[in-house]
Protein backbone atom coordinates (compact mmCIF):
# COMPACT_ATOMS: atom_id res chain seq x y z
CA UNK A 1 56.11 -16.68 22.51
CA UNK A 2 53.71 -15.86 19.82
CA UNK A 3 54.42 -13.25 17.24
CA UNK A 4 50.92 -11.79 18.53
CA UNK A 5 51.27 -10.55 22.00
CA UNK A 6 48.46 -12.64 24.14
CA UNK A 7 47.41 -12.15 27.74
CA UNK A 8 49.46 -14.83 29.82
CA UNK A 9 46.11 -16.27 31.11
CA UNK A 10 45.01 -16.86 27.62
CA UNK A 11 48.06 -18.57 26.32
CA UNK A 12 47.05 -21.78 28.32
CA UNK A 13 43.95 -22.12 26.39
CA UNK A 14 43.78 -23.72 23.09
CA UNK A 15 40.31 -22.73 21.79
CA UNK A 16 39.12 -22.21 18.37
CA UNK A 17 40.08 -18.66 18.50
CA UNK A 18 43.73 -18.84 19.64
CA UNK A 19 45.00 -21.65 17.67
CA UNK A 20 45.52 -19.45 14.69
CA UNK A 21 47.53 -17.10 16.76
CA UNK A 22 49.51 -19.70 18.16
CA UNK A 23 50.20 -21.34 14.73
CA UNK A 24 52.80 -18.90 14.06
CA UNK A 25 54.89 -20.38 17.08
CA UNK A 26 54.97 -24.37 16.02
CA UNK A 27 52.98 -26.79 18.33
CA UNK A 28 51.44 -25.57 21.32
CA UNK A 29 53.50 -27.52 23.90
CA UNK A 30 56.71 -27.00 22.22
CA UNK A 31 59.91 -26.36 24.23
CA UNK A 32 61.57 -23.12 24.26
CA UNK A 33 61.87 -21.37 20.63
CA UNK A 34 64.83 -21.01 18.82
CA UNK A 35 66.45 -17.83 19.42
CA UNK A 36 67.11 -15.75 16.51
CA UNK A 37 68.59 -12.16 15.78
CA UNK A 38 64.74 -11.18 15.56
CA UNK A 39 62.96 -10.19 18.23
CA UNK A 40 59.25 -11.06 17.83
CA UNK A 41 58.41 -7.80 19.45
CA UNK A 42 60.09 -5.84 16.40
CA UNK A 43 58.09 -8.19 14.10
CA UNK A 44 55.36 -6.95 15.59
CA UNK A 45 56.09 -3.42 15.36
CA UNK A 46 57.28 -3.62 11.97
CA UNK A 47 53.80 -5.77 10.89
CA UNK A 48 52.07 -2.95 12.69
CA UNK A 49 53.70 -0.53 10.89
CA UNK A 50 53.23 -1.78 7.50
CA UNK A 51 49.48 -2.45 8.68
CA UNK A 52 49.39 1.43 9.37
CA UNK A 53 50.90 2.31 5.77
CA UNK A 54 48.69 -0.14 4.05
CA UNK A 55 45.63 1.29 5.84
CA UNK A 56 46.94 5.01 5.01
CA UNK A 57 47.41 4.14 1.16
CA UNK A 58 43.88 2.66 1.35
CA UNK A 59 42.24 5.54 2.74
CA UNK A 60 44.27 8.11 0.88
CA UNK A 61 43.50 6.31 -2.43
CA UNK A 62 39.71 6.42 -1.63
CA UNK A 63 39.64 10.06 -0.65
CA UNK A 64 41.67 10.59 -3.95
CA UNK A 65 39.15 8.61 -6.06
CA UNK A 66 36.00 9.98 -4.43
CA UNK A 67 37.59 13.48 -4.53
CA UNK A 68 37.96 13.26 -8.26
CA UNK A 69 34.64 11.68 -8.75
CA UNK A 70 33.26 14.51 -6.75
CA UNK A 71 35.20 17.09 -9.20
CA UNK A 72 33.92 14.89 -12.46
CA UNK A 73 30.30 14.98 -11.04
CA UNK A 74 30.38 18.72 -10.27
CA UNK A 75 31.61 19.27 -13.99
CA UNK A 76 28.72 17.38 -15.29
CA UNK A 77 26.28 19.40 -13.17
CA UNK A 78 27.71 22.58 -14.49
CA UNK A 79 27.40 21.29 -17.92
CA UNK A 80 24.04 19.73 -17.19
CA UNK A 81 22.90 23.04 -16.01
CA UNK A 82 24.38 25.16 -18.97
CA UNK A 83 22.85 22.55 -21.26
CA UNK A 84 19.21 22.77 -19.88
CA UNK A 85 19.49 26.85 -20.55
CA UNK A 86 20.84 26.03 -24.29
CA UNK A 87 18.27 23.31 -24.89
CA UNK A 88 15.27 25.33 -23.65
CA UNK A 89 16.28 28.28 -26.05
CA UNK A 90 16.49 25.55 -28.91
CA UNK A 91 13.16 24.39 -27.90
CA UNK A 92 11.68 27.96 -27.64
CA UNK A 93 13.18 28.62 -31.39
CA UNK A 94 12.19 25.52 -32.85
CA UNK A 95 8.50 25.62 -31.60
CA UNK A 96 8.23 29.34 -32.82
CA UNK A 97 9.72 28.05 -36.55
CA UNK A 98 7.36 25.16 -36.57
CA UNK A 99 4.48 27.34 -35.63
CA UNK A 100 5.41 29.74 -38.58
CA UNK A 101 6.02 26.95 -40.84
CA UNK A 102 2.33 25.82 -39.97
CA UNK A 103 3.32 22.47 -38.24
CA UNK A 104 2.28 21.23 -34.69
CA UNK A 105 4.76 21.93 -32.19
CA UNK A 106 6.93 19.22 -30.55
CA UNK A 107 6.09 17.69 -27.16
CA UNK A 108 9.29 18.02 -25.03
CA UNK A 109 7.83 17.07 -21.76
CA UNK A 110 9.21 13.87 -21.63
CA UNK A 111 12.73 14.90 -22.37
CA UNK A 112 12.58 18.17 -20.11
CA UNK A 113 11.63 15.76 -17.18
CA UNK A 114 14.27 13.39 -17.88
CA UNK A 115 16.92 16.12 -17.75
CA UNK A 116 15.55 17.56 -14.48
CA UNK A 117 15.67 14.11 -13.05
CA UNK A 118 19.19 13.53 -14.20
CA UNK A 119 19.84 16.81 -12.36
CA UNK A 120 18.40 15.57 -9.06
CA UNK A 121 20.70 12.37 -9.30
CA UNK A 122 23.87 14.32 -10.17
CA UNK A 123 22.87 16.39 -7.06
CA UNK A 124 22.43 13.45 -4.84
CA UNK A 125 25.65 12.01 -6.16
CA UNK A 126 27.53 14.95 -5.28
CA UNK A 127 26.11 15.22 -1.69
CA UNK A 128 26.88 11.48 -1.05
CA UNK A 129 30.39 11.84 -2.63
CA UNK A 130 31.30 15.06 -0.52
CA UNK A 131 30.32 13.24 2.49
CA UNK A 132 32.42 10.00 1.74
CA UNK A 133 35.46 12.34 0.66
CA UNK A 134 34.94 14.06 4.08
CA UNK A 135 34.82 10.69 5.97
CA UNK A 136 37.89 9.39 4.15
CA UNK A 137 39.67 13.02 4.86
CA UNK A 138 38.71 12.75 8.71
CA UNK A 139 40.22 9.19 8.94
């Protein structure tokens, strides 16, 4: 009997998909298999338990990784938000000082646009990683 339980009507057909399942048991037309102290169903249950455990570790690891990334991106978003407030005050003070000294003011529009776009990307990543985290938790 093969290690993987196959329905009886399929066991007689040796096509491309069943040969790999039968390969664990030797030749297809072999005589009675040698009896051992291990039952094939016990091996099947152990492999199924191991598969479930590895699947749990994979999902738990992915969930933990995405939650850590989500926390890191949340901290980055908070730093960007506070950084924008500080940077805008700095721009205002620098512009006033340059005008008082008689120089042209600097154009910060490109830098401001880049900062705003980076905040948008961070928000999109936060939403996507939050969704992925909930998917892994739900599994």
